[in-house]
């Protein structure tokens, strides 16, 4: 009987000298790139792997709390505290930079042009090609306080948004979702 799922290893982070793999150090926004933040001999660095070619497209000493690679292009977004920067790796140029007024809980690319940013009090969208600063989209629901935000998703037309969080409750993992309609400007928790 043939198995319904086959597994094929396409890359080994261990072979690339990546010591620690976790939510805080490794991001993967698509099947094209893996972005790794690590500290080696006290020096921080960012490593970006192209999973299609197996090539290492970036390994540089960069100090950042978080790094997320664009799903299709050689753009990398870096966060250091409340400062955000987007760089074009191929052109070796900064595309955009800004400061956020609140601590960032989670962020990711939500479209070819925009980053979704979840803070302790609100959710922002930042079109890095058109906007100088992120736009506040909606308030984060208080029911997500005390949760670890693990994802943020939007519909293709960006009219529906979902913030996902997890927390420990009575010895079990509990999930919470805030669903927001931009058209009606209303959230459901």
N, C-alpha and C. Protein backbone atom coordinates (compact mmCIF):
# COMPACT_ATOMS: atom_id res chain seq x y z
N UNK A 1 0.84 -1.18 0.00
CA UNK A 1 0.00 0.00 0.00
C UNK A 1 0.89 1.25 0.00
N UNK A 2 0.57 2.17 -0.88
CA UNK A 2 1.34 3.40 -0.99
C UNK A 2 0.91 4.38 0.10
N UNK A 3 1.89 5.05 0.69
CA UNK A 3 1.60 6.02 1.73
C UNK A 3 0.95 7.27 1.13
N UNK A 4 -0.01 7.88 1.85
CA UNK A 4 -0.69 9.06 1.32
C UNK A 4 0.20 10.31 1.30
N UNK A 5 1.23 10.31 2.13
CA UNK A 5 2.13 11.46 2.21
C UNK A 5 3.57 10.94 2.14
N UNK A 6 4.36 11.60 1.33
CA UNK A 6 5.77 11.26 1.30
C UNK A 6 6.57 12.45 1.83
N UNK A 7 7.65 12.15 2.49
CA UNK A 7 8.49 13.18 3.08
C UNK A 7 9.84 13.14 2.38
N UNK A 8 10.29 14.32 1.96
CA UNK A 8 11.59 14.43 1.29
C UNK A 8 12.34 15.59 1.93
N UNK A 9 13.49 15.30 2.48
CA UNK A 9 14.32 16.35 3.07
C UNK A 9 14.98 17.14 1.95
N UNK A 10 14.76 18.46 1.96
CA UNK A 10 15.38 19.29 0.93
C UNK A 10 16.52 20.14 1.48
N UNK A 11 16.57 20.26 2.79
CA UNK A 11 17.65 21.04 3.40
C UNK A 11 17.79 20.62 4.85
N UNK A 12 19.00 20.69 5.36
CA UNK A 12 19.27 20.40 6.75
C UNK A 12 19.91 21.63 7.39
N UNK A 13 19.20 22.23 8.33
CA UNK A 13 19.76 23.39 9.01
C UNK A 13 20.98 23.00 9.83
N UNK A 14 20.99 21.79 10.32
CA UNK A 14 22.14 21.30 11.08
C UNK A 14 23.41 21.30 10.22
N UNK A 15 23.29 20.91 8.96
CA UNK A 15 24.46 20.92 8.06
C UNK A 15 24.92 22.34 7.76
N UNK A 16 24.06 23.31 7.99
CA UNK A 16 24.41 24.73 7.77
C UNK A 16 24.89 25.38 9.07
N UNK A 17 25.20 24.56 10.07
CA UNK A 17 25.70 25.04 11.36
C UNK A 17 24.69 25.89 12.12
N UNK A 18 23.41 25.56 11.99
CA UNK A 18 22.37 26.23 12.78
C UNK A 18 22.19 25.41 14.05
N UNK A 19 22.49 26.05 15.20
CA UNK A 19 22.45 25.33 16.47
C UNK A 19 21.05 25.25 17.07
N UNK A 20 20.29 26.34 17.00
CA UNK A 20 19.01 26.39 17.69
C UNK A 20 17.89 26.68 16.69
N UNK A 21 16.90 25.79 16.65
CA UNK A 21 15.75 25.95 15.77
C UNK A 21 14.52 26.15 16.65
N UNK A 22 13.81 27.26 16.45
CA UNK A 22 12.61 27.54 17.24
C UNK A 22 11.85 28.70 16.65
N UNK A 23 10.69 29.01 17.24
CA UNK A 23 9.83 30.09 16.75
C UNK A 23 10.53 31.44 16.79
N UNK A 24 11.43 31.63 17.75
CA UNK A 24 12.11 32.91 17.90
C UNK A 24 13.30 33.08 16.95
N UNK A 25 13.79 31.98 16.38
CA UNK A 25 15.01 32.06 15.58
C UNK A 25 14.85 31.71 14.11
N UNK A 26 13.81 30.96 13.75
CA UNK A 26 13.63 30.52 12.37
C UNK A 26 12.26 30.95 11.86
N UNK A 27 12.22 31.59 10.68
CA UNK A 27 10.95 31.95 10.06
C UNK A 27 10.91 31.38 8.65
N UNK A 28 9.69 31.03 8.23
CA UNK A 28 9.46 30.48 6.90
C UNK A 28 8.10 30.97 6.44
N UNK A 29 8.08 32.02 5.62
CA UNK A 29 6.81 32.60 5.16
C UNK A 29 6.31 31.97 3.88
N UNK A 30 7.11 31.12 3.25
CA UNK A 30 6.69 30.44 2.03
C UNK A 30 7.56 29.20 1.86
N UNK A 31 7.35 28.50 0.75
CA UNK A 31 8.18 27.33 0.49
C UNK A 31 9.46 27.70 -0.25
N UNK A 32 9.73 28.99 -0.40
CA UNK A 32 10.92 29.44 -1.15
C UNK A 32 12.13 29.71 -0.25
N UNK A 33 11.92 30.38 0.90
CA UNK A 33 13.05 30.78 1.75
C UNK A 33 12.87 30.35 3.20
N UNK A 34 14.00 30.10 3.85
CA UNK A 34 14.06 29.94 5.30
C UNK A 34 15.01 31.01 5.80
N UNK A 35 14.59 31.70 6.86
CA UNK A 35 15.39 32.77 7.43
C UNK A 35 15.73 32.39 8.87
N UNK A 36 17.02 32.42 9.20
CA UNK A 36 17.49 31.99 10.52
C UNK A 36 18.28 33.11 11.17
N UNK A 37 17.95 33.39 12.42
CA UNK A 37 18.72 34.33 13.24
C UNK A 37 19.47 33.50 14.27
N UNK A 38 20.75 33.72 14.39
CA UNK A 38 21.49 32.96 15.40
C UNK A 38 22.67 33.75 15.92
N UNK A 39 23.16 33.28 17.04
CA UNK A 39 24.32 33.89 17.66
C UNK A 39 25.45 32.87 17.60
N UNK A 40 26.56 33.28 17.02
CA UNK A 40 27.70 32.38 16.88
C UNK A 40 28.92 33.04 17.49
N UNK A 41 29.47 32.44 18.53
CA UNK A 41 30.62 33.00 19.25
C UNK A 41 30.35 34.43 19.71
N UNK A 42 29.13 34.69 20.17
CA UNK A 42 28.75 36.02 20.66
C UNK A 42 28.38 37.01 19.58
N UNK A 43 28.54 36.64 18.32
CA UNK A 43 28.19 37.54 17.21
C UNK A 43 26.86 37.09 16.60
N UNK A 44 25.95 38.04 16.46
CA UNK A 44 24.65 37.73 15.87
C UNK A 44 24.75 37.75 14.35
N UNK A 45 24.01 36.83 13.71
CA UNK A 45 24.00 36.81 12.26
C UNK A 45 22.65 36.34 11.75
N UNK A 46 22.37 36.67 10.49
CA UNK A 46 21.17 36.23 9.81
C UNK A 46 21.60 35.39 8.62
N UNK A 47 20.94 34.24 8.46
CA UNK A 47 21.19 33.32 7.37
C UNK A 47 19.90 33.15 6.59
N UNK A 48 19.94 33.30 5.27
CA UNK A 48 18.77 33.08 4.41
C UNK A 48 19.13 32.00 3.40
N UNK A 49 18.28 30.96 3.34
CA UNK A 49 18.48 29.87 2.40
C UNK A 49 17.37 29.88 1.36
N UNK A 50 17.74 29.71 0.10
CA UNK A 50 16.79 29.54 -0.99
C UNK A 50 16.53 28.04 -1.09
N UNK A 51 15.32 27.60 -0.75
CA UNK A 51 15.02 26.17 -0.71
C UNK A 51 14.93 25.55 -2.09
N UNK A 52 14.63 26.35 -3.11
CA UNK A 52 14.53 25.80 -4.47
C UNK A 52 15.91 25.44 -5.02
N UNK A 53 16.88 26.30 -4.81
CA UNK A 53 18.22 26.06 -5.36
C UNK A 53 19.19 25.47 -4.34
N UNK A 54 18.85 25.59 -3.06
CA UNK A 54 19.75 25.13 -2.02
C UNK A 54 20.85 26.13 -1.71
N UNK A 55 20.78 27.28 -2.36
CA UNK A 55 21.83 28.29 -2.19
C UNK A 55 21.63 29.10 -0.92
N UNK A 56 22.74 29.51 -0.37
CA UNK A 56 22.75 30.42 0.77
C UNK A 56 22.80 31.82 0.16
N UNK A 57 21.70 32.58 0.24
CA UNK A 57 21.71 33.89 -0.42
C UNK A 57 22.14 35.01 0.51
N UNK A 58 22.20 34.71 1.80
CA UNK A 58 22.67 35.73 2.74
C UNK A 58 23.17 35.05 4.00
N UNK A 59 24.33 35.47 4.46
CA UNK A 59 24.84 35.10 5.79
C UNK A 59 25.68 36.29 6.20
N UNK A 60 25.08 37.13 7.03
CA UNK A 60 25.76 38.37 7.41
C UNK A 60 25.59 38.62 8.90
N UNK A 61 26.57 39.33 9.48
CA UNK A 61 26.39 39.75 10.87
C UNK A 61 25.36 40.88 10.92
N UNK A 62 24.19 40.57 11.43
CA UNK A 62 23.10 41.54 11.55
C UNK A 62 22.50 41.39 12.94
N UNK A 63 22.38 42.50 13.65
CA UNK A 63 21.74 42.46 14.97
C UNK A 63 20.26 42.77 14.80
N UNK A 64 19.43 41.79 15.10
CA UNK A 64 17.98 41.95 14.97
C UNK A 64 17.29 41.00 15.93
N UNK A 65 16.11 41.43 16.43
CA UNK A 65 15.29 40.56 17.28
C UNK A 65 14.56 39.53 16.44
N UNK A 66 14.26 39.92 15.20
CA UNK A 66 13.47 39.07 14.32
C UNK A 66 13.79 39.41 12.88
N UNK A 67 13.70 38.41 12.01
CA UNK A 67 13.93 38.60 10.58
C UNK A 67 12.93 37.76 9.81
N UNK A 68 12.25 38.37 8.83
CA UNK A 68 11.31 37.63 7.99
C UNK A 68 11.63 37.91 6.52
N UNK A 69 11.76 36.84 5.78
CA UNK A 69 12.09 36.94 4.36
C UNK A 69 10.81 37.06 3.55
N UNK A 70 10.84 37.89 2.52
CA UNK A 70 9.70 38.04 1.60
C UNK A 70 9.41 36.67 0.97
N UNK A 71 8.13 36.34 0.74
CA UNK A 71 7.81 35.01 0.20
C UNK A 71 8.38 34.71 -1.19
N UNK A 72 8.55 35.73 -2.05
CA UNK A 72 9.03 35.46 -3.41
C UNK A 72 10.29 36.23 -3.80
N UNK A 73 10.49 37.41 -3.25
CA UNK A 73 11.59 38.27 -3.67
C UNK A 73 12.72 38.27 -2.65
N UNK A 74 13.85 38.80 -3.07
CA UNK A 74 15.00 38.90 -2.17
C UNK A 74 14.90 40.18 -1.34
N UNK A 75 13.81 40.26 -0.57
CA UNK A 75 13.60 41.35 0.39
C UNK A 75 13.57 40.73 1.77
N UNK A 76 14.25 41.35 2.71
CA UNK A 76 14.24 40.87 4.09
C UNK A 76 13.80 42.01 5.00
N UNK A 77 12.89 41.68 5.92
CA UNK A 77 12.43 42.65 6.91
C UNK A 77 13.08 42.30 8.24
N UNK A 78 13.62 43.32 8.90
CA UNK A 78 14.32 43.13 10.17
C UNK A 78 13.67 43.98 11.25
N UNK A 79 13.61 43.42 12.46
CA UNK A 79 13.05 44.13 13.60
C UNK A 79 14.10 44.17 14.69
N UNK A 80 14.33 45.35 15.24
CA UNK A 80 15.20 45.53 16.40
C UNK A 80 14.44 46.42 17.37
N UNK A 81 13.89 45.81 18.43
CA UNK A 81 13.03 46.56 19.33
C UNK A 81 11.77 46.98 18.60
N UNK A 82 11.53 48.28 18.55
CA UNK A 82 10.35 48.82 17.85
C UNK A 82 10.70 49.37 16.47
N UNK A 83 11.94 49.20 16.06
CA UNK A 83 12.39 49.69 14.75
C UNK A 83 12.26 48.58 13.71
N UNK A 84 11.68 48.92 12.56
CA UNK A 84 11.52 47.98 11.45
C UNK A 84 12.27 48.52 10.24
N UNK A 85 12.93 47.61 9.51
CA UNK A 85 13.62 47.99 8.28
C UNK A 85 13.41 46.89 7.25
N UNK A 86 13.28 47.30 6.00
CA UNK A 86 13.17 46.35 4.89
C UNK A 86 14.33 46.61 3.94
N UNK A 87 15.06 45.54 3.59
CA UNK A 87 16.22 45.64 2.71
C UNK A 87 16.03 44.79 1.46
N UNK A 88 16.52 45.31 0.34
CA UNK A 88 16.60 44.56 -0.90
C UNK A 88 17.99 43.92 -0.92
N UNK A 89 18.03 42.60 -0.78
CA UNK A 89 19.31 41.90 -0.68
C UNK A 89 20.11 42.02 -1.99
N UNK A 90 19.44 41.85 -3.12
CA UNK A 90 20.13 41.89 -4.41
C UNK A 90 20.73 43.27 -4.69
N UNK A 91 19.97 44.33 -4.37
CA UNK A 91 20.45 45.69 -4.62
C UNK A 91 21.33 46.23 -3.49
N UNK A 92 21.35 45.51 -2.36
CA UNK A 92 22.09 45.94 -1.18
C UNK A 92 21.66 47.35 -0.76
N UNK A 93 20.33 47.53 -0.68
CA UNK A 93 19.79 48.85 -0.36
C UNK A 93 18.61 48.73 0.59
N UNK A 94 18.49 49.73 1.46
CA UNK A 94 17.34 49.78 2.35
C UNK A 94 16.14 50.32 1.56
N UNK A 95 15.01 49.62 1.65
CA UNK A 95 13.79 50.00 0.95
C UNK A 95 12.96 50.95 1.81
N UNK A 96 12.76 50.58 3.08
CA UNK A 96 11.94 51.39 3.99
C UNK A 96 12.41 51.15 5.42
N UNK A 97 12.07 52.11 6.28
CA UNK A 97 12.36 51.99 7.72
C UNK A 97 11.32 52.79 8.47
N UNK A 98 10.97 52.32 9.67
CA UNK A 98 10.01 53.06 10.50
C UNK A 98 10.15 52.61 11.96
N UNK A 99 9.48 53.34 12.84
CA UNK A 99 9.39 53.01 14.27
C UNK A 99 7.93 52.73 14.59
N UNK A 100 7.68 51.74 15.43
CA UNK A 100 6.33 51.42 15.91
C UNK A 100 6.27 51.90 17.36
N UNK A 101 5.12 52.42 17.77
CA UNK A 101 5.00 52.99 19.12
C UNK A 101 4.71 51.95 20.19
N UNK A 102 4.51 50.69 19.82
CA UNK A 102 4.17 49.64 20.78
C UNK A 102 5.06 48.42 20.49
N UNK A 103 5.25 47.56 21.48
CA UNK A 103 6.04 46.35 21.28
C UNK A 103 5.34 45.43 20.29
N UNK A 104 6.11 44.79 19.42
CA UNK A 104 5.57 43.92 18.39
C UNK A 104 5.51 42.49 18.92
N UNK A 105 4.32 41.89 18.85
CA UNK A 105 4.12 40.51 19.29
C UNK A 105 4.37 39.51 18.16
N UNK A 106 3.98 39.91 16.94
CA UNK A 106 4.09 39.01 15.79
C UNK A 106 4.06 39.84 14.53
N UNK A 107 4.76 39.37 13.50
CA UNK A 107 4.70 40.04 12.20
C UNK A 107 5.03 39.05 11.11
N UNK A 108 4.54 39.35 9.91
CA UNK A 108 4.79 38.47 8.76
C UNK A 108 4.40 39.20 7.49
N UNK A 109 4.88 38.71 6.36
CA UNK A 109 4.43 39.22 5.06
C UNK A 109 3.02 38.71 4.83
N UNK A 110 2.09 39.60 4.48
CA UNK A 110 0.70 39.19 4.22
C UNK A 110 0.33 39.35 2.75
N UNK A 111 1.19 39.97 1.98
CA UNK A 111 0.99 40.12 0.53
C UNK A 111 2.36 40.40 -0.08
N UNK A 112 2.45 40.47 -1.41
CA UNK A 112 3.74 40.79 -2.02
C UNK A 112 4.28 42.17 -1.63
N UNK A 113 3.39 43.05 -1.17
CA UNK A 113 3.81 44.42 -0.84
C UNK A 113 3.74 44.77 0.64
N UNK A 114 3.03 43.97 1.44
CA UNK A 114 2.71 44.43 2.80
C UNK A 114 3.11 43.45 3.90
N UNK A 115 3.49 44.05 5.02
CA UNK A 115 3.73 43.31 6.26
C UNK A 115 2.53 43.50 7.17
N UNK A 116 2.12 42.45 7.86
CA UNK A 116 1.11 42.53 8.91
C UNK A 116 1.84 42.55 10.23
N UNK A 117 1.49 43.50 11.10
CA UNK A 117 2.20 43.69 12.36
C UNK A 117 1.19 43.67 13.50
N UNK A 118 1.37 42.75 14.45
CA UNK A 118 0.48 42.65 15.61
C UNK A 118 1.25 43.16 16.82
N UNK A 119 0.69 44.17 17.50
CA UNK A 119 1.31 44.69 18.72
C UNK A 119 0.42 44.31 19.91
N UNK A 120 0.77 44.77 21.08
CA UNK A 120 -0.02 44.49 22.27
C UNK A 120 -1.39 45.13 22.25
N UNK A 121 -1.58 46.16 21.42
CA UNK A 121 -2.86 46.87 21.43
C UNK A 121 -3.55 46.97 20.07
N UNK A 122 -2.84 46.75 18.97
CA UNK A 122 -3.44 46.95 17.65
C UNK A 122 -2.77 46.08 16.59
N UNK A 123 -3.41 46.06 15.42
CA UNK A 123 -2.86 45.38 14.25
C UNK A 123 -2.65 46.44 13.17
N UNK A 124 -1.49 46.37 12.51
CA UNK A 124 -1.11 47.33 11.48
C UNK A 124 -0.80 46.60 10.18
N UNK A 125 -1.00 47.30 9.07
CA UNK A 125 -0.53 46.84 7.77
C UNK A 125 0.44 47.89 7.25
N UNK A 126 1.55 47.43 6.70
CA UNK A 126 2.56 48.34 6.17
C UNK A 126 2.89 47.95 4.75
N UNK A 127 2.39 48.73 3.80
CA UNK A 127 2.73 48.54 2.40
C UNK A 127 4.10 49.18 2.20
N UNK A 128 5.11 48.36 2.14
CA UNK A 128 6.49 48.87 2.13
C UNK A 128 6.86 49.54 0.81
N UNK A 129 6.03 49.41 -0.19
CA UNK A 129 6.31 50.06 -1.48
C UNK A 129 5.62 51.42 -1.59
N UNK A 130 4.53 51.63 -0.80
CA UNK A 130 3.75 52.85 -0.95
C UNK A 130 3.64 53.71 0.31
N UNK A 131 3.74 53.10 1.49
CA UNK A 131 3.51 53.84 2.73
C UNK A 131 4.82 54.09 3.48
N UNK A 132 4.94 55.29 4.03
CA UNK A 132 6.11 55.61 4.84
C UNK A 132 6.03 54.92 6.20
N UNK A 133 4.83 54.85 6.75
CA UNK A 133 4.63 54.24 8.07
C UNK A 133 3.46 53.26 8.02
N UNK A 134 3.43 52.29 8.93
CA UNK A 134 2.31 51.34 8.97
C UNK A 134 0.98 52.03 9.27
N UNK A 135 -0.09 51.46 8.74
CA UNK A 135 -1.45 51.96 8.95
C UNK A 135 -2.14 51.08 10.00
N UNK A 136 -2.72 51.72 11.02
CA UNK A 136 -3.47 50.97 12.04
C UNK A 136 -4.76 50.46 11.41
N UNK A 137 -4.98 49.14 11.48
CA UNK A 137 -6.14 48.53 10.84
C UNK A 137 -7.26 48.29 11.84
N UNK A 138 -6.92 47.75 13.02
CA UNK A 138 -7.93 47.52 14.06
C UNK A 138 -7.26 47.29 15.40
N UNK A 139 -8.06 47.42 16.46
CA UNK A 139 -7.58 47.19 17.82
C UNK A 139 -7.50 45.69 18.10
N UNK A 140 -6.47 45.30 18.80
CA UNK A 140 -6.34 43.90 19.21
C UNK A 140 -7.32 43.64 20.35
N UNK A 141 -8.03 42.52 20.29
CA UNK A 141 -9.03 42.18 21.31
C UNK A 141 -8.36 41.87 22.64
N UNK A 142 -8.95 42.35 23.73
CA UNK A 142 -8.39 42.13 25.07
C UNK A 142 -8.33 40.64 25.43
N UNK A 143 -9.17 39.83 24.81
CA UNK A 143 -9.15 38.39 25.06
C UNK A 143 -7.84 37.73 24.64
N UNK A 144 -7.05 38.41 23.82
CA UNK A 144 -5.75 37.89 23.41
C UNK A 144 -4.63 38.26 24.38
N UNK A 145 -4.94 39.09 25.38
CA UNK A 145 -3.94 39.43 26.40
C UNK A 145 -3.52 38.15 27.11
N UNK A 146 -2.25 37.98 27.34
CA UNK A 146 -1.76 36.79 28.02
C UNK A 146 -1.56 35.60 27.10
N UNK A 147 -1.80 35.78 25.80
CA UNK A 147 -1.55 34.69 24.85
C UNK A 147 -0.26 34.96 24.09
N UNK A 148 0.29 33.91 23.53
CA UNK A 148 1.42 34.05 22.62
C UNK A 148 0.83 34.09 21.21
N UNK A 149 1.03 35.20 20.51
CA UNK A 149 0.51 35.32 19.15
C UNK A 149 1.37 34.45 18.24
N UNK A 150 0.72 33.51 17.55
CA UNK A 150 1.47 32.56 16.71
C UNK A 150 1.22 32.75 15.22
N UNK A 151 0.20 33.55 14.86
CA UNK A 151 -0.03 33.78 13.44
C UNK A 151 -0.96 34.96 13.23
N UNK A 152 -0.88 35.52 12.03
CA UNK A 152 -1.79 36.57 11.58
C UNK A 152 -2.04 36.32 10.11
N UNK A 153 -3.29 36.25 9.72
CA UNK A 153 -3.66 35.95 8.34
C UNK A 153 -4.70 36.95 7.84
N UNK A 154 -4.75 37.13 6.52
CA UNK A 154 -5.78 37.96 5.89
C UNK A 154 -6.34 37.21 4.69
N UNK A 155 -7.56 37.60 4.30
CA UNK A 155 -8.11 37.09 3.05
C UNK A 155 -7.35 37.76 1.91
N UNK A 156 -7.49 37.24 0.70
CA UNK A 156 -6.76 37.81 -0.45
C UNK A 156 -7.08 39.29 -0.67
N UNK A 157 -8.35 39.67 -0.43
CA UNK A 157 -8.73 41.08 -0.62
C UNK A 157 -8.46 41.93 0.62
N UNK A 158 -7.90 41.32 1.65
CA UNK A 158 -7.53 41.98 2.91
C UNK A 158 -8.72 42.57 3.67
N UNK A 159 -9.92 42.09 3.39
CA UNK A 159 -11.10 42.57 4.10
C UNK A 159 -11.36 41.77 5.38
N UNK A 160 -10.85 40.55 5.45
CA UNK A 160 -10.98 39.72 6.65
C UNK A 160 -9.59 39.47 7.22
N UNK A 161 -9.46 39.63 8.53
CA UNK A 161 -8.18 39.45 9.20
C UNK A 161 -8.37 38.55 10.42
N UNK A 162 -7.37 37.73 10.72
CA UNK A 162 -7.44 36.84 11.88
C UNK A 162 -6.12 36.86 12.65
N UNK A 163 -6.22 37.09 13.96
CA UNK A 163 -5.07 37.02 14.86
C UNK A 163 -5.23 35.75 15.68
N UNK A 164 -4.21 34.90 15.71
CA UNK A 164 -4.27 33.64 16.42
C UNK A 164 -3.28 33.64 17.58
N UNK A 165 -3.78 33.23 18.76
CA UNK A 165 -2.93 33.17 19.94
C UNK A 165 -3.13 31.87 20.69
N UNK A 166 -2.14 31.46 21.46
CA UNK A 166 -2.24 30.27 22.31
C UNK A 166 -1.80 30.63 23.72
N UNK A 167 -2.36 29.88 24.68
CA UNK A 167 -1.99 30.07 26.08
C UNK A 167 -2.19 28.75 26.81
N UNK A 168 -1.58 28.66 27.99
CA UNK A 168 -1.75 27.47 28.83
C UNK A 168 -2.90 27.73 29.79
N UNK A 169 -3.88 26.83 29.79
CA UNK A 169 -5.03 26.93 30.69
C UNK A 169 -5.29 25.58 31.32
N UNK A 170 -5.21 25.51 32.63
CA UNK A 170 -5.50 24.29 33.38
C UNK A 170 -4.69 23.09 32.86
N UNK A 171 -3.41 23.33 32.56
CA UNK A 171 -2.55 22.26 32.11
C UNK A 171 -2.72 21.87 30.65
N UNK A 172 -3.53 22.64 29.91
CA UNK A 172 -3.76 22.35 28.48
C UNK A 172 -3.44 23.59 27.65
N UNK A 173 -3.18 23.38 26.39
CA UNK A 173 -2.96 24.49 25.47
C UNK A 173 -4.32 24.92 24.93
N UNK A 174 -4.58 26.21 25.03
CA UNK A 174 -5.86 26.77 24.56
C UNK A 174 -5.58 27.76 23.44
N UNK A 175 -6.37 27.68 22.38
CA UNK A 175 -6.21 28.58 21.25
C UNK A 175 -7.30 29.65 21.23
N UNK A 176 -6.93 30.84 20.77
CA UNK A 176 -7.88 31.96 20.66
C UNK A 176 -7.70 32.61 19.30
N UNK A 177 -8.82 33.06 18.71
CA UNK A 177 -8.78 33.73 17.42
C UNK A 177 -9.63 34.99 17.48
N UNK A 178 -9.07 36.08 16.99
CA UNK A 178 -9.83 37.31 16.78
C UNK A 178 -10.04 37.43 15.28
N UNK A 179 -11.30 37.42 14.86
CA UNK A 179 -11.65 37.58 13.45
C UNK A 179 -12.18 38.99 13.26
N UNK A 180 -11.63 39.73 12.30
CA UNK A 180 -12.02 41.13 12.11
C UNK A 180 -12.46 41.37 10.67
N UNK A 181 -13.60 42.08 10.53
CA UNK A 181 -14.07 42.52 9.22
C UNK A 181 -13.69 43.98 9.04
N UNK A 182 -12.87 44.28 8.05
CA UNK A 182 -12.49 45.67 7.80
C UNK A 182 -13.67 46.46 7.23
N UNK A 183 -14.48 45.80 6.42
CA UNK A 183 -15.64 46.46 5.81
C UNK A 183 -16.60 46.97 6.88
N UNK A 184 -16.88 46.13 7.88
CA UNK A 184 -17.82 46.51 8.94
C UNK A 184 -17.12 47.09 10.16
N UNK A 185 -15.80 47.03 10.19
CA UNK A 185 -14.99 47.49 11.31
C UNK A 185 -15.47 46.88 12.62
N UNK A 186 -15.63 45.56 12.62
CA UNK A 186 -16.08 44.85 13.81
C UNK A 186 -15.27 43.56 13.94
N UNK A 187 -15.01 43.18 15.21
CA UNK A 187 -14.26 41.96 15.50
C UNK A 187 -15.11 40.98 16.28
N UNK A 188 -14.81 39.71 16.11
CA UNK A 188 -15.42 38.65 16.90
C UNK A 188 -14.29 37.85 17.52
N UNK A 189 -14.44 37.49 18.79
CA UNK A 189 -13.40 36.76 19.49
C UNK A 189 -13.91 35.37 19.81
